[in-house]
Each structure stands twice: as structure tokens, then as C-alpha cells.
Amino acid sequence: MMDVLIWLIAALSTVGGVVLGRAWGRIMGKRGGKREAQANALQDTTDRVARGRSALREGRDAGDPAQRLHDNDDAW
């Protein structure tokens, strides 16, 4: 009887460990994915700000005002 009880406890412990391991892995995966998404969003925001600043720098005070007006008129 004692052998059956030991085997039963061992089997339940194994199943419990597998279930707990899968749940833990899923939680850590979601956390990692969320962190990665936040890092990507922050990098995207930084890139957009840098491109906007560069466009302003190149657009304002870039060359002769008459030539810029001429170029803008051509775009219309």
C-alpha cells in the first residue's frame, strides 16, 4: 500500500511540476514580449523625433529663400 502511495505522490508531483513550468513559461513569455514591444515603441519614437528634427534642420534656413520658394511652387 505504501508503494502505491509513493508512486501516486511522485506522479502528481511530476504532473504538477509540468503544469507549473508551462504556466511560468507563459507568464515570462508575455512579460518578455511586453518589454520588447515597449522597447520597440520607444526606439520608434526616438527615430521619429530624430527624423523630424533633421527635416526641420534641412528645411529651415537651408539655402537661398528664393530658391526654396521656387522649389515649393514647383511642388504645387
PDB file of N, CA and C in Angstrom:
ATOM      1  N   MET A   1       0.820  -1.189   0.000  1.00  0.00           N
ATOM      2  CA  MET A   1       0.000   0.000   0.000  1.00  0.00           C
ATOM      3  C   MET A   1       0.869   1.260   0.000  1.00  0.00           C
ATOM      4  N   MET A   2       1.940   1.189   0.753  1.00  0.00           N
ATOM      5  CA  MET A   2       2.828   2.334   0.855  1.00  0.00           C
ATOM      6  C   MET A   2       3.511   2.628  -0.480  1.00  0.00           C
ATOM      7  N   ASP A   3       3.833   1.583  -1.235  1.00  0.00           N
ATOM      8  CA  ASP A   3       4.465   1.778  -2.543  1.00  0.00           C
ATOM      9  C   ASP A   3       3.526   2.509  -3.504  1.00  0.00           C
ATOM     10  N   VAL A   4       2.261   2.160  -3.480  1.00  0.00           N
ATOM     11  CA  VAL A   4       1.284   2.795  -4.352  1.00  0.00           C
ATOM     12  C   VAL A   4       1.146   4.268  -3.988  1.00  0.00           C
ATOM     13  N   LEU A   5       1.140   4.569  -2.708  1.00  0.00           N
ATOM     14  CA  LEU A   5       1.029   5.952  -2.246  1.00  0.00           C
ATOM     15  C   LEU A   5       2.250   6.770  -2.671  1.00  0.00           C
ATOM     16  N   ILE A   6       3.421   6.197  -2.585  1.00  0.00           N
ATOM     17  CA  ILE A   6       4.653   6.875  -3.008  1.00  0.00           C
ATOM     18  C   ILE A   6       4.609   7.139  -4.508  1.00  0.00           C
ATOM     19  N   TRP A   7       4.196   6.148  -5.304  1.00  0.00           N
ATOM     20  CA  TRP A   7       4.090   6.319  -6.752  1.00  0.00           C
ATOM     21  C   TRP A   7       3.047   7.379  -7.111  1.00  0.00           C
ATOM     22  N   LEU A   8       1.943   7.389  -6.386  1.00  0.00           N
ATOM     23  CA  LEU A   8       0.884   8.369  -6.631  1.00  0.00           C
ATOM     24  C   LEU A   8       1.377   9.786  -6.337  1.00  0.00           C
ATOM     25  N   ILE A   9       2.070   9.954  -5.239  1.00  0.00           N
ATOM     26  CA  ILE A   9       2.619  11.274  -4.892  1.00  0.00           C
ATOM     27  C   ILE A   9       3.660  11.702  -5.925  1.00  0.00           C
ATOM     28  N   ALA A  10       4.493  10.797  -6.363  1.00  0.00           N
ATOM     29  CA  ALA A  10       5.516  11.110  -7.369  1.00  0.00           C
ATOM     30  C   ALA A  10       4.866  11.500  -8.702  1.00  0.00           C
ATOM     31  N   ALA A  11       3.835  10.781  -9.097  1.00  0.00           N
ATOM     32  CA  ALA A  11       3.155  11.086 -10.356  1.00  0.00           C
ATOM     33  C   ALA A  11       2.467  12.448 -10.274  1.00  0.00           C
ATOM     34  N   LEU A  12       1.792  12.722  -9.177  1.00  0.00           N
ATOM     35  CA  LEU A  12       1.132  14.022  -9.006  1.00  0.00           C
ATOM     36  C   LEU A  12       2.149  15.158  -8.958  1.00  0.00           C
ATOM     37  N   SER A  13       3.267  14.919  -8.336  1.00  0.00           N
ATOM     38  CA  SER A  13       4.319  15.936  -8.280  1.00  0.00           C
ATOM     39  C   SER A  13       4.874  16.210  -9.677  1.00  0.00           C
ATOM     40  N   THR A  14       5.047  15.179 -10.459  1.00  0.00           N
ATOM     41  CA  THR A  14       5.552  15.346 -11.821  1.00  0.00           C
ATOM     42  C   THR A  14       4.566  16.139 -12.666  1.00  0.00           C
ATOM     43  N   VAL A  15       3.295  15.768 -12.602  1.00  0.00           N
ATOM     44  CA  VAL A  15       2.271  16.485 -13.366  1.00  0.00           C
ATOM     45  C   VAL A  15       2.178  17.931 -12.890  1.00  0.00           C
ATOM     46  N   GLY A  16       2.213  18.137 -11.596  1.00  0.00           N
ATOM     47  CA  GLY A  16       2.170  19.498 -11.043  1.00  0.00           C
ATOM     48  C   GLY A  16       3.363  20.321 -11.481  1.00  0.00           C
ATOM     49  N   GLY A  17       4.530  19.718 -11.521  1.00  0.00           N
ATOM     50  CA  GLY A  17       5.728  20.430 -11.967  1.00  0.00           C
ATOM     51  C   GLY A  17       5.643  20.828 -13.431  1.00  0.00           C
ATOM     52  N   VAL A  18       5.105  19.937 -14.248  1.00  0.00           N
ATOM     53  CA  VAL A  18       4.956  20.250 -15.670  1.00  0.00           C
ATOM     54  C   VAL A  18       3.965  21.392 -15.862  1.00  0.00           C
ATOM     55  N   VAL A  19       2.833  21.319 -15.179  1.00  0.00           N
ATOM     56  CA  VAL A  19       1.814  22.371 -15.298  1.00  0.00           C
ATOM     57  C   VAL A  19       2.366  23.701 -14.797  1.00  0.00           C
ATOM     58  N   LEU A  20       3.038  23.673 -13.661  1.00  0.00           N
ATOM     59  CA  LEU A  20       3.620  24.895 -13.107  1.00  0.00           C
ATOM     60  C   LEU A  20       4.696  25.457 -14.034  1.00  0.00           C
ATOM     61  N   GLY A  21       5.513  24.592 -14.613  1.00  0.00           N
ATOM     62  CA  GLY A  21       6.553  25.040 -15.537  1.00  0.00           C
ATOM     63  C   GLY A  21       5.975  25.694 -16.783  1.00  0.00           C
ATOM     64  N   ARG A  22       4.918  25.116 -17.325  1.00  0.00           N
ATOM     65  CA  ARG A  22       4.281  25.708 -18.509  1.00  0.00           C
ATOM     66  C   ARG A  22       3.645  27.053 -18.179  1.00  0.00           C
ATOM     67  N   ALA A  23       2.990  27.135 -17.038  1.00  0.00           N
ATOM     68  CA  ALA A  23       2.367  28.403 -16.639  1.00  0.00           C
ATOM     69  C   ALA A  23       3.436  29.473 -16.415  1.00  0.00           C
ATOM     70  N   TRP A  24       4.513  29.100 -15.759  1.00  0.00           N
ATOM     71  CA  TRP A  24       5.598  30.049 -15.504  1.00  0.00           C
ATOM     72  C   TRP A  24       6.227  30.523 -16.814  1.00  0.00           C
ATOM     73  N   GLY A  25       6.436  29.598 -17.734  1.00  0.00           N
ATOM     74  CA  GLY A  25       6.994  29.958 -19.033  1.00  0.00           C
ATOM     75  C   GLY A  25       6.087  30.889 -19.816  1.00  0.00           C
ATOM     76  N   ARG A  26       4.791  30.661 -19.754  1.00  0.00           N
ATOM     77  CA  ARG A  26       3.847  31.519 -20.456  1.00  0.00           C
ATOM     78  C   ARG A  26       3.860  32.924 -19.862  1.00  0.00           C
ATOM     79  N   ILE A  27       3.874  33.018 -18.546  1.00  0.00           N
ATOM     80  CA  ILE A  27       3.901  34.329 -17.881  1.00  0.00           C
ATOM     81  C   ILE A  27       5.182  35.080 -18.247  1.00  0.00           C
ATOM     82  N   MET A  28       6.312  34.395 -18.200  1.00  0.00           N
ATOM     83  CA  MET A  28       7.576  35.047 -18.524  1.00  0.00           C
ATOM     84  C   MET A  28       7.623  35.435 -20.005  1.00  0.00           C
ATOM     85  N   GLY A  29       7.027  34.636 -20.869  1.00  0.00           N
ATOM     86  CA  GLY A  29       6.974  34.963 -22.291  1.00  0.00           C
ATOM     87  C   GLY A  29       6.157  36.217 -22.550  1.00  0.00           C
ATOM     88  N   LYS A  30       5.030  36.339 -21.852  1.00  0.00           N
ATOM     89  CA  LYS A  30       4.203  37.539 -22.012  1.00  0.00           C
ATOM     90  C   LYS A  30       4.934  38.766 -21.503  1.00  0.00           C
ATOM     91  N   ARG A  31       5.606  38.623 -20.391  1.00  0.00           N
ATOM     92  CA  ARG A  31       6.371  39.754 -19.846  1.00  0.00           C
ATOM     93  C   ARG A  31       7.490  40.163 -20.809  1.00  0.00           C
ATOM     94  N   GLY A  32       8.176  39.182 -21.331  1.00  0.00           N
ATOM     95  CA  GLY A  32       9.264  39.465 -22.268  1.00  0.00           C
ATOM     96  C   GLY A  32       8.740  40.127 -23.536  1.00  0.00           C
ATOM     97  N   GLY A  33       7.609  39.650 -24.023  1.00  0.00           N
ATOM     98  CA  GLY A  33       7.009  40.246 -25.207  1.00  0.00           C
ATOM     99  C   GLY A  33       6.573  41.678 -24.969  1.00  0.00           C
ATOM    100  N   LYS A  34       6.024  41.918 -23.784  1.00  0.00           N
ATOM    101  CA  LYS A  34       5.593  43.274 -23.453  1.00  0.00           C
ATOM    102  C   LYS A  34       6.791  44.210 -23.352  1.00  0.00           C
ATOM    103  N   ARG A  35       7.852  43.741 -22.734  1.00  0.00           N
ATOM    104  CA  ARG A  35       9.066  44.562 -22.624  1.00  0.00           C
ATOM    105  C   ARG A  35       9.663  44.850 -24.001  1.00  0.00           C
ATOM    106  N   GLU A  36       9.661  43.844 -24.858  1.00  0.00           N
ATOM    107  CA  GLU A  36      10.200  44.028 -26.197  1.00  0.00           C
ATOM    108  C   GLU A  36       9.354  45.022 -26.989  1.00  0.00           C
ATOM    109  N   ALA A  37       8.031  44.935 -26.844  1.00  0.00           N
ATOM    110  CA  ALA A  37       7.152  45.871 -27.541  1.00  0.00           C
ATOM    111  C   ALA A  37       7.363  47.300 -27.041  1.00  0.00           C
ATOM    112  N   GLN A  38       7.539  47.462 -25.733  1.00  0.00           N
ATOM    113  CA  GLN A  38       7.793  48.790 -25.184  1.00  0.00           C
ATOM    114  C   GLN A  38       9.127  49.340 -25.681  1.00  0.00           C
ATOM    115  N   ALA A  39      10.141  48.495 -25.732  1.00  0.00           N
ATOM    116  CA  ALA A  39      11.450  48.937 -26.218  1.00  0.00           C
ATOM    117  C   ALA A  39      11.374  49.323 -27.696  1.00  0.00           C
ATOM    118  N   ASN A  40      10.638  48.542 -28.483  1.00  0.00           N
ATOM    119  CA  ASN A  40      10.486  48.866 -29.903  1.00  0.00           C
ATOM    120  C   ASN A  40       9.727  50.174 -30.089  1.00  0.00           C
ATOM    121  N   ALA A  41       8.685  50.396 -29.275  1.00  0.00           N
ATOM    122  CA  ALA A  41       7.919  51.640 -29.377  1.00  0.00           C
ATOM    123  C   ALA A  41       8.788  52.836 -28.995  1.00  0.00           C
ATOM    124  N   LEU A  42       9.600  52.685 -27.966  1.00  0.00           N
ATOM    125  CA  LEU A  42      10.488  53.761 -27.549  1.00  0.00           C
ATOM    126  C   LEU A  42      11.524  54.064 -28.634  1.00  0.00           C
ATOM    127  N   GLN A  43      12.067  53.027 -29.242  1.00  0.00           N
ATOM    128  CA  GLN A  43      13.042  53.213 -30.320  1.00  0.00           C
ATOM    129  C   GLN A  43      12.385  53.884 -31.521  1.00  0.00           C
ATOM    130  N   ASP A  44      11.157  53.485 -31.845  1.00  0.00           N
ATOM    131  CA  ASP A  44      10.433  54.084 -32.963  1.00  0.00           C
ATOM    132  C   ASP A  44      10.173  55.564 -32.703  1.00  0.00           C
ATOM    133  N   THR A  45       9.785  55.895 -31.476  1.00  0.00           N
ATOM    134  CA  THR A  45       9.553  57.293 -31.120  1.00  0.00           C
ATOM    135  C   THR A  45      10.839  58.102 -31.227  1.00  0.00           C
ATOM    136  N   THR A  46      11.927  57.543 -30.756  1.00  0.00           N
ATOM    137  CA  THR A  46      13.219  58.221 -30.828  1.00  0.00           C
ATOM    138  C   THR A  46      13.630  58.453 -32.285  1.00  0.00           C
ATOM    139  N   ASP A  47      13.425  57.441 -33.119  1.00  0.00           N
ATOM    140  CA  ASP A  47      13.761  57.581 -34.543  1.00  0.00           C
ATOM    141  C   ASP A  47      12.901  58.650 -35.209  1.00  0.00           C
ATOM    142  N   ARG A  48      11.613  58.682 -34.883  1.00  0.00           N
ATOM    143  CA  ARG A  48      10.726  59.675 -35.486  1.00  0.00           C
ATOM    144  C   ARG A  48      11.111  61.092 -35.073  1.00  0.00           C
ATOM    145  N   VAL A  49      11.449  61.255 -33.801  1.00  0.00           N
ATOM    146  CA  VAL A  49      11.867  62.578 -33.327  1.00  0.00           C
ATOM    147  C   VAL A  49      13.145  63.005 -34.034  1.00  0.00           C
ATOM    148  N   ALA A  50      14.081  62.088 -34.167  1.00  0.00           N
ATOM    149  CA  ALA A  50      15.346  62.414 -34.851  1.00  0.00           C
ATOM    150  C   ALA A  50      15.102  62.779 -36.315  1.00  0.00           C
ATOM    151  N   ARG A  51      14.230  62.034 -36.996  1.00  0.00           N
ATOM    152  CA  ARG A  51      13.935  62.352 -38.394  1.00  0.00           C
ATOM    153  C   ARG A  51      13.228  63.694 -38.501  1.00  0.00           C
ATOM    154  N   GLY A  52      12.328  63.997 -37.571  1.00  0.00           N
ATOM    155  CA  GLY A  52      11.635  65.282 -37.588  1.00  0.00           C
ATOM    156  C   GLY A  52      12.585  66.440 -37.361  1.00  0.00           C
ATOM    157  N   ARG A  53      13.492  66.277 -36.420  1.00  0.00           N
ATOM    158  CA  ARG A  53      14.473  67.337 -36.169  1.00  0.00           C
ATOM    159  C   ARG A  53      15.386  67.531 -37.369  1.00  0.00           C
ATOM    160  N   SER A  54      15.761  66.431 -37.991  1.00  0.00           N
ATOM    161  CA  SER A  54      16.609  66.521 -39.176  1.00  0.00           C
ATOM    162  C   SER A  54      15.872  67.224 -40.315  1.00  0.00           C
ATOM    163  N   ALA A  55      14.581  66.918 -40.481  1.00  0.00           N
ATOM    164  CA  ALA A  55      13.800  67.560 -41.539  1.00  0.00           C
ATOM    165  C   ALA A  55      13.660  69.052 -41.288  1.00  0.00           C
ATOM    166  N   LEU A  56      13.472  69.424 -40.031  1.00  0.00           N
ATOM    167  CA  LEU A  56      13.396  70.850 -39.713  1.00  0.00           C
ATOM    168  C   LEU A  56      14.722  71.546 -39.990  1.00  0.00           C
ATOM    169  N   ARG A  57      15.797  70.883 -39.605  1.00  0.00           N
ATOM    170  CA  ARG A  57      17.114  71.466 -39.806  1.00  0.00           C
ATOM    171  C   ARG A  57      17.397  71.656 -41.293  1.00  0.00           C
ATOM    172  N   GLU A  58      17.012  70.685 -42.084  1.00  0.00           N
ATOM    173  CA  GLU A  58      17.259  70.763 -43.518  1.00  0.00           C
ATOM    174  C   GLU A  58      16.261  71.678 -44.219  1.00  0.00           C
ATOM    175  N   GLY A  59      15.046  71.796 -43.669  1.00  0.00           N
ATOM    176  CA  GLY A  59      14.013  72.586 -44.325  1.00  0.00           C
ATOM    177  C   GLY A  59      14.109  74.063 -44.034  1.00  0.00           C
ATOM    178  N   ARG A  60      14.431  74.410 -42.826  1.00  0.00           N
ATOM    179  CA  ARG A  60      14.541  75.813 -42.442  1.00  0.00           C
ATOM    180  C   ARG A  60      15.986  76.267 -42.609  1.00  0.00           C
ATOM    181  N   ASP A  61      16.142  77.458 -43.125  1.00  0.00           N
ATOM    182  CA  ASP A  61      17.477  78.044 -43.307  1.00  0.00           C
ATOM    183  C   ASP A  61      18.381  77.166 -44.148  1.00  0.00           C
ATOM    184  N   ALA A  62      17.807  76.456 -45.087  1.00  0.00           N
ATOM    185  CA  ALA A  62      18.615  75.598 -45.959  1.00  0.00           C
ATOM    186  C   ALA A  62      18.665  76.238 -47.334  1.00  0.00           C
ATOM    187  N   GLY A  63      19.673  77.022 -47.566  1.00  0.00           N
ATOM    188  CA  GLY A  63      19.857  77.612 -48.883  1.00  0.00           C
ATOM    189  C   GLY A  63      19.163  78.955 -49.030  1.00  0.00           C
ATOM    190  N   ASP A  64      19.064  79.372 -50.247  1.00  0.00           N
ATOM    191  CA  ASP A  64      18.507  80.669 -50.611  1.00  0.00           C
ATOM    192  C   ASP A  64      16.983  80.638 -50.457  1.00  0.00           C
ATOM    193  N   PRO A  65      16.388  81.634 -49.759  1.00  0.00           N
ATOM    194  CA  PRO A  65      14.932  81.644 -49.592  1.00  0.00           C
ATOM    195  C   PRO A  65      14.187  81.698 -50.928  1.00  0.00           C
ATOM    196  N   ALA A  66      14.723  82.412 -51.901  1.00  0.00           N
ATOM    197  CA  ALA A  66      14.055  82.482 -53.203  1.00  0.00           C
ATOM    198  C   ALA A  66      14.047  81.113 -53.888  1.00  0.00           C
ATOM    199  N   GLN A  67      15.132  80.366 -53.747  1.00  0.00           N
ATOM    200  CA  GLN A  67      15.195  79.031 -54.352  1.00  0.00           C
ATOM    201  C   GLN A  67      14.232  78.066 -53.644  1.00  0.00           C
ATOM    202  N   ARG A  68      14.123  78.185 -52.324  1.00  0.00           N
ATOM    203  CA  ARG A  68      13.182  77.331 -51.601  1.00  0.00           C
ATOM    204  C   ARG A  68      11.753  77.632 -52.024  1.00  0.00           C
ATOM    205  N   LEU A  69      11.430  78.921 -52.196  1.00  0.00           N
ATOM    206  CA  LEU A  69      10.102  79.295 -52.649  1.00  0.00           C
ATOM    207  C   LEU A  69       9.848  78.749 -54.052  1.00  0.00           C
ATOM    208  N   HIS A  70      10.820  78.835 -54.900  1.00  0.00           N
ATOM    209  CA  HIS A  70      10.693  78.304 -56.249  1.00  0.00           C
ATOM    210  C   HIS A  70      10.475  76.791 -56.210  1.00  0.00           C
ATOM    211  N   ASP A  71      11.233  76.097 -55.362  1.00  0.00           N
ATOM    212  CA  ASP A  71      11.085  74.643 -55.248  1.00  0.00           C
ATOM    213  C   ASP A  71       9.708  74.274 -54.706  1.00  0.00           C
ATOM    214  N   ASN A  72       9.210  75.057 -53.751  1.00  0.00           N
ATOM    215  CA  ASN A  72       7.881  74.784 -53.201  1.00  0.00           C
ATOM    216  C   ASN A  72       6.800  75.027 -54.251  1.00  0.00           C
ATOM    217  N   ASP A  73       6.958  76.068 -55.039  1.00  0.00           N
ATOM    218  CA  ASP A  73       5.986  76.344 -56.076  1.00  0.00           C
ATOM    219  C   ASP A  73       5.940  75.224 -57.103  1.00  0.00           C
ATOM    220  N   ASP A  74       7.111  74.633 -57.382  1.00  0.00           N
ATOM    221  CA  ASP A  74       7.145  73.514 -58.317  1.00  0.00           C
ATOM    222  C   ASP A  74       6.399  72.306 -57.765  1.00  0.00           C
ATOM    223  N   ALA A  75       6.413  72.144 -56.443  1.00  0.00           N
ATOM    224  CA  ALA A  75       5.741  71.007 -55.827  1.00  0.00           C
ATOM    225  C   ALA A  75       4.233  71.132 -55.908  1.00  0.00           C
ATOM    226  N   TRP A  76       3.732  72.371 -55.988  1.00  0.00           N
ATOM    227  CA  TRP A  76       2.294  72.568 -56.035  1.00  0.00           C
ATOM    228  C   TRP A  76       1.822  72.302 -57.432  1.00  0.00           C
TER     229      TRP A  76
END
